[in-house]
């Protein structure tokens, strides 16, 4: 059975995802310059919203990618763990 996607919902997702991915890119660029860059609340919000929006829009590959990243960032922030290059390269 083929799923039907709502084109309007997909367009809203595309626009929102672009904003959240820009937040992620800004973090990656900043962490390349400063390896001690902590995971920010802005990054956490972007990943969490990207995950939820992707699930709602039915864009499962994006949701399945964002979900473990959201969980990883949340664990690091909650436990005040230092972010190293291996985590950033994920």
Protein backbone atom coordinates (compact mmCIF):
# COMPACT_ATOMS: atom_id res chain seq x y z
CA UNK A 1 0.00 0.00 0.00
CA UNK A 2 1.49 3.31 -1.09
CA UNK A 3 1.37 6.18 1.39
CA UNK A 4 0.00 9.51 0.28
CA UNK A 5 1.85 12.61 1.40
CA UNK A 6 0.16 15.96 1.85
CA UNK A 7 2.07 18.36 -0.45
CA UNK A 8 1.24 21.34 1.75
CA UNK A 9 2.52 19.57 4.87
CA UNK A 10 5.69 18.54 3.02
CA UNK A 11 6.32 22.13 1.93
CA UNK A 12 5.91 23.38 5.51
CA UNK A 13 8.27 20.64 6.66
CA UNK A 14 10.81 21.55 3.96
CA UNK A 15 10.83 25.19 5.03
CA UNK A 16 11.10 24.37 8.74
CA UNK A 17 13.73 21.69 8.16
CA UNK A 18 15.88 24.15 6.25
CA UNK A 19 15.90 26.48 9.27
CA UNK A 20 16.75 23.66 11.68
CA UNK A 21 19.50 22.33 9.41
CA UNK A 22 20.99 25.82 9.23
CA UNK A 23 21.13 25.83 13.05
CA UNK A 24 22.91 22.47 12.95
CA UNK A 25 25.37 23.73 10.32
CA UNK A 26 26.14 26.83 12.38
CA UNK A 27 26.94 24.62 15.35
CA UNK A 28 29.19 22.37 13.25
CA UNK A 29 31.04 25.37 11.84
CA UNK A 30 31.51 26.86 15.31
CA UNK A 31 32.71 23.55 16.73
CA UNK A 32 35.29 23.24 13.95
CA UNK A 33 36.79 26.51 15.22
CA UNK A 34 36.31 25.80 18.92
CA UNK A 35 36.44 22.15 19.96
CA UNK A 36 35.11 23.08 23.40
CA UNK A 37 31.80 24.29 21.93
CA UNK A 38 29.01 22.88 24.08
CA UNK A 39 25.73 21.60 22.73
CA UNK A 40 23.41 24.59 22.93
CA UNK A 41 19.72 24.78 23.80
CA UNK A 42 19.18 26.14 20.28
CA UNK A 43 20.79 23.02 18.78
CA UNK A 44 18.73 20.76 21.02
CA UNK A 45 15.49 22.55 20.05
CA UNK A 46 16.39 22.35 16.36
CA UNK A 47 17.08 18.60 16.48
CA UNK A 48 14.01 17.86 18.60
CA UNK A 49 11.71 19.89 16.35
CA UNK A 50 13.26 18.45 13.20
CA UNK A 51 12.65 14.95 14.54
CA UNK A 52 9.03 15.64 15.46
CA UNK A 53 8.23 17.52 12.27
CA UNK A 54 9.77 14.78 10.14
CA UNK A 55 7.65 12.12 11.86
CA UNK A 56 4.49 14.22 11.43
CA UNK A 57 5.23 14.88 7.75
CA UNK A 58 6.02 11.21 7.15
CA UNK A 59 9.64 11.89 6.19
CA UNK A 60 10.87 8.84 8.07
CA UNK A 61 14.51 8.80 6.87
CA UNK A 62 14.99 12.31 8.31
CA UNK A 63 13.12 11.42 11.50
CA UNK A 64 15.18 8.26 11.97
CA UNK A 65 18.39 10.27 11.54
CA UNK A 66 17.35 13.15 13.79
CA UNK A 67 16.04 10.93 16.60
CA UNK A 68 19.36 9.44 17.81
CA UNK A 69 21.10 12.80 17.36
CA UNK A 70 18.43 14.45 19.49
CA UNK A 71 18.89 11.76 22.15
CA UNK A 72 22.71 12.08 22.06
CA UNK A 73 22.65 15.87 22.45
CA UNK A 74 20.05 15.60 25.23
CA UNK A 75 22.22 13.09 27.15
CA UNK A 76 25.33 15.25 26.81
CA UNK A 77 23.47 18.37 27.99
CA UNK A 78 21.67 16.64 30.86
CA UNK A 79 24.85 15.04 32.18
CA UNK A 80 27.08 18.07 31.47
CA UNK A 81 29.43 15.95 29.38
CA UNK A 82 32.19 17.50 27.31
CA UNK A 83 31.74 17.31 23.56
CA UNK A 84 34.73 15.87 21.72
CA UNK A 85 35.65 15.64 18.07
CA UNK A 86 34.30 12.06 17.74
CA UNK A 87 30.80 13.22 18.75
CA UNK A 88 30.95 16.21 16.43
CA UNK A 89 32.02 14.02 13.53
CA UNK A 90 28.96 11.81 14.03
